[in-house]
């Protein structure tokens, strides 16, 4: 369902938006809707949901002195 929205903006900003709209052939309402969609998607991306197994591992190495060399050493011991 589409609903009307009134925006109050600076005149120069409105003129720039109208020029952009004419240049791209896209109505201003679609441009604004695209922006709102981007904002909605960014908010969703801020809070990723991980599977329970991954979530249980979060922070497990906090405060530990582990680096890439330790991981390589582990792999060598395990597979060689």
N, C-alpha and C. Protein backbone atom coordinates (compact mmCIF):
# COMPACT_ATOMS: atom_id res chain seq x y z
N UNK A 1 0.84 -1.17 0.00
CA UNK A 1 0.00 0.00 0.00
C UNK A 1 0.89 1.24 0.00
N UNK A 2 0.68 2.13 -0.92
CA UNK A 2 1.43 3.38 -0.99
C UNK A 2 0.75 4.45 -0.16
N UNK A 3 1.54 5.22 0.57
CA UNK A 3 1.05 6.30 1.40
C UNK A 3 1.80 7.57 1.04
N UNK A 4 1.11 8.68 1.09
CA UNK A 4 1.71 9.97 0.75
C UNK A 4 2.62 10.43 1.88
N UNK A 5 3.78 11.03 1.52
CA UNK A 5 4.74 11.54 2.49
C UNK A 5 5.13 12.94 2.05
N UNK A 6 5.06 13.90 2.96
CA UNK A 6 5.46 15.27 2.67
C UNK A 6 6.81 15.53 3.31
N UNK A 7 7.75 16.04 2.51
CA UNK A 7 9.08 16.35 3.01
C UNK A 7 9.34 17.85 2.89
N UNK A 8 9.95 18.43 3.87
CA UNK A 8 10.33 19.84 3.83
C UNK A 8 11.86 19.87 3.73
N UNK A 9 12.34 20.40 2.59
CA UNK A 9 13.78 20.42 2.33
C UNK A 9 14.19 21.78 1.79
N UNK A 10 15.47 22.04 1.84
CA UNK A 10 16.04 23.26 1.28
C UNK A 10 15.76 23.31 -0.22
N UNK A 11 15.46 24.50 -0.73
CA UNK A 11 15.11 24.66 -2.15
C UNK A 11 16.21 24.16 -3.08
N UNK A 12 17.46 24.46 -2.74
CA UNK A 12 18.55 24.04 -3.63
C UNK A 12 18.66 22.52 -3.67
N UNK A 13 18.38 21.89 -2.55
CA UNK A 13 18.41 20.43 -2.51
C UNK A 13 17.28 19.84 -3.37
N UNK A 14 16.13 20.47 -3.30
CA UNK A 14 14.99 20.01 -4.10
C UNK A 14 15.30 20.16 -5.58
N UNK A 15 15.89 21.29 -5.96
CA UNK A 15 16.25 21.51 -7.37
C UNK A 15 17.26 20.49 -7.85
N UNK A 16 18.25 20.19 -7.02
CA UNK A 16 19.25 19.17 -7.38
C UNK A 16 18.59 17.82 -7.55
N UNK A 17 17.66 17.50 -6.66
CA UNK A 17 16.96 16.21 -6.75
C UNK A 17 16.12 16.14 -8.02
N UNK A 18 15.47 17.24 -8.37
CA UNK A 18 14.66 17.27 -9.60
C UNK A 18 15.53 17.10 -10.83
N UNK A 19 16.69 17.73 -10.84
CA UNK A 19 17.62 17.58 -11.98
C UNK A 19 18.09 16.14 -12.09
N UNK A 20 18.42 15.55 -10.96
CA UNK A 20 18.85 14.15 -10.95
C UNK A 20 17.73 13.25 -11.45
N UNK A 21 16.51 13.54 -11.03
CA UNK A 21 15.35 12.77 -11.45
C UNK A 21 15.18 12.85 -12.97
N UNK A 22 15.29 14.06 -13.50
CA UNK A 22 15.14 14.25 -14.95
C UNK A 22 16.27 13.55 -15.71
N UNK A 23 17.46 13.64 -15.17
CA UNK A 23 18.64 13.03 -15.81
C UNK A 23 18.52 11.51 -15.86
N UNK A 24 18.03 10.91 -14.78
CA UNK A 24 17.95 9.45 -14.72
C UNK A 24 16.61 8.91 -15.23
N UNK A 25 15.61 9.81 -15.36
CA UNK A 25 14.29 9.37 -15.81
C UNK A 25 13.53 8.61 -14.73
N UNK A 26 13.94 8.81 -13.51
CA UNK A 26 13.33 8.10 -12.39
C UNK A 26 12.56 9.11 -11.53
N UNK A 27 11.30 8.84 -11.22
CA UNK A 27 10.54 9.78 -10.38
C UNK A 27 11.17 9.96 -9.00
N UNK A 28 11.01 11.16 -8.45
CA UNK A 28 11.57 11.44 -7.13
C UNK A 28 11.08 10.47 -6.07
N UNK A 29 9.83 10.07 -6.18
CA UNK A 29 9.29 9.13 -5.19
C UNK A 29 10.05 7.80 -5.22
N UNK A 30 10.47 7.37 -6.41
CA UNK A 30 11.24 6.13 -6.51
C UNK A 30 12.65 6.31 -5.95
N UNK A 31 13.23 7.49 -6.17
CA UNK A 31 14.56 7.76 -5.64
C UNK A 31 14.53 7.75 -4.12
N UNK A 32 13.52 8.39 -3.54
CA UNK A 32 13.38 8.42 -2.08
C UNK A 32 13.11 7.01 -1.55
N UNK A 33 12.27 6.25 -2.24
CA UNK A 33 11.98 4.88 -1.83
C UNK A 33 13.24 4.03 -1.86
N UNK A 34 14.08 4.21 -2.88
CA UNK A 34 15.34 3.47 -2.96
C UNK A 34 16.24 3.81 -1.78
N UNK A 35 16.30 5.10 -1.42
CA UNK A 35 17.11 5.52 -0.28
C UNK A 35 16.61 4.87 1.01
N UNK A 36 15.30 4.87 1.21
CA UNK A 36 14.72 4.25 2.40
C UNK A 36 15.02 2.75 2.44
N UNK A 37 15.02 2.11 1.29
CA UNK A 37 15.32 0.68 1.21
C UNK A 37 16.78 0.43 1.61
N UNK A 38 17.67 1.30 1.15
CA UNK A 38 19.10 1.18 1.50
C UNK A 38 19.26 1.32 3.01
N UNK A 39 18.60 2.31 3.60
CA UNK A 39 18.68 2.53 5.04
C UNK A 39 18.17 1.32 5.80
N UNK A 40 17.05 0.75 5.34
CA UNK A 40 16.49 -0.43 6.00
C UNK A 40 17.46 -1.60 5.94
N UNK A 41 18.07 -1.81 4.78
CA UNK A 41 19.01 -2.92 4.62
C UNK A 41 20.28 -2.73 5.43
N UNK A 42 20.75 -1.49 5.57
CA UNK A 42 21.94 -1.24 6.37
C UNK A 42 21.67 -1.57 7.83
N UNK A 43 20.49 -1.23 8.31
CA UNK A 43 20.15 -1.53 9.70
C UNK A 43 20.12 -3.04 9.92
N UNK A 44 19.60 -3.77 8.96
CA UNK A 44 19.56 -5.22 9.09
C UNK A 44 20.96 -5.82 9.10
N UNK A 45 21.87 -5.20 8.36
CA UNK A 45 23.23 -5.72 8.27
C UNK A 45 24.02 -5.45 9.55
N UNK A 46 23.62 -4.47 10.35
CA UNK A 46 24.34 -4.15 11.58
C UNK A 46 24.24 -5.26 12.61
N UNK A 47 23.15 -5.99 12.60
CA UNK A 47 22.91 -7.00 13.61
C UNK A 47 22.76 -8.38 12.97
N UNK A 48 23.88 -8.95 12.51
CA UNK A 48 23.76 -10.26 11.87
C UNK A 48 23.38 -11.34 12.89
N UNK A 49 22.59 -12.26 12.43
CA UNK A 49 22.21 -13.38 13.28
C UNK A 49 23.04 -14.58 12.88
N UNK A 50 23.71 -15.16 13.86
CA UNK A 50 24.54 -16.31 13.61
C UNK A 50 23.85 -17.56 14.15
N UNK A 51 24.17 -18.70 13.57
CA UNK A 51 23.64 -19.95 14.12
C UNK A 51 24.11 -20.12 15.56
N UNK A 52 23.38 -20.88 16.36
CA UNK A 52 23.74 -21.06 17.78
C UNK A 52 25.18 -21.56 17.98
N UNK A 53 25.65 -22.43 17.10
CA UNK A 53 27.01 -22.96 17.26
C UNK A 53 28.04 -21.85 17.13
N UNK A 54 27.86 -20.99 16.13
CA UNK A 54 28.78 -19.88 15.92
C UNK A 54 28.67 -18.88 17.07
N UNK A 55 27.46 -18.59 17.49
CA UNK A 55 27.25 -17.65 18.60
C UNK A 55 27.93 -18.12 19.87
N UNK A 56 27.94 -19.43 20.11
CA UNK A 56 28.57 -19.96 21.32
C UNK A 56 30.08 -19.77 21.30
N UNK A 57 30.68 -19.60 20.12
CA UNK A 57 32.13 -19.42 20.00
C UNK A 57 32.55 -17.95 20.12
N UNK A 58 31.59 -17.07 20.05
CA UNK A 58 31.88 -15.64 20.07
C UNK A 58 32.58 -15.25 21.37
N UNK A 59 33.76 -14.62 21.23
CA UNK A 59 34.51 -14.15 22.37
C UNK A 59 35.34 -15.20 23.09
N UNK A 60 35.39 -16.41 22.54
CA UNK A 60 36.08 -17.50 23.23
C UNK A 60 37.59 -17.25 23.32
N UNK A 61 38.16 -16.50 22.38
CA UNK A 61 39.60 -16.23 22.40
C UNK A 61 39.94 -14.86 22.97
N UNK A 62 38.97 -14.18 23.52
CA UNK A 62 39.21 -12.85 24.06
C UNK A 62 40.24 -12.94 25.19
N UNK A 63 41.28 -12.13 25.08
CA UNK A 63 42.31 -12.12 26.10
C UNK A 63 43.38 -13.18 25.91
N UNK A 64 43.23 -14.03 24.91
CA UNK A 64 44.22 -15.08 24.64
C UNK A 64 45.28 -14.54 23.70
N UNK A 65 46.49 -15.05 23.83
CA UNK A 65 47.59 -14.64 22.96
C UNK A 65 47.74 -15.68 21.86
N UNK A 66 46.86 -15.62 20.87
CA UNK A 66 46.85 -16.58 19.77
C UNK A 66 46.96 -15.80 18.47
N UNK A 67 47.82 -16.30 17.57
CA UNK A 67 47.94 -15.63 16.27
C UNK A 67 47.99 -16.67 15.15
N UNK A 68 48.26 -16.21 13.96
CA UNK A 68 48.26 -17.07 12.77
C UNK A 68 49.33 -18.17 12.87
N UNK A 69 50.46 -17.87 13.48
CA UNK A 69 51.52 -18.87 13.62
C UNK A 69 51.05 -20.06 14.45
N UNK A 70 50.30 -19.76 15.51
CA UNK A 70 49.76 -20.84 16.36
C UNK A 70 48.82 -21.74 15.55
N UNK A 71 48.01 -21.12 14.71
CA UNK A 71 47.08 -21.89 13.90
C UNK A 71 47.83 -22.78 12.90
N UNK A 72 48.85 -22.22 12.28
CA UNK A 72 49.65 -23.00 11.33
C UNK A 72 50.34 -24.17 12.04
N UNK A 73 50.84 -23.91 13.23
CA UNK A 73 51.49 -24.96 14.00
C UNK A 73 50.49 -26.07 14.33
N UNK A 74 49.30 -25.70 14.71
CA UNK A 74 48.24 -26.68 15.00
C UNK A 74 47.95 -27.54 13.78
N UNK A 75 47.83 -26.91 12.62
CA UNK A 75 47.53 -27.66 11.38
C UNK A 75 48.67 -28.60 11.03
N UNK A 76 49.91 -28.16 11.21
CA UNK A 76 51.05 -29.02 10.91
C UNK A 76 51.06 -30.25 11.82
N UNK A 77 50.80 -30.03 13.11
CA UNK A 77 50.79 -31.14 14.05
C UNK A 77 49.64 -32.10 13.77
N UNK A 78 48.55 -31.57 13.31
CA UNK A 78 47.38 -32.40 13.08
C UNK A 78 47.50 -33.22 11.79
N UNK A 79 48.04 -32.60 10.75
CA UNK A 79 48.01 -33.26 9.43
C UNK A 79 49.37 -33.75 8.93
N UNK A 80 50.45 -33.41 9.58
CA UNK A 80 51.75 -33.86 9.08
C UNK A 80 52.38 -34.88 10.00
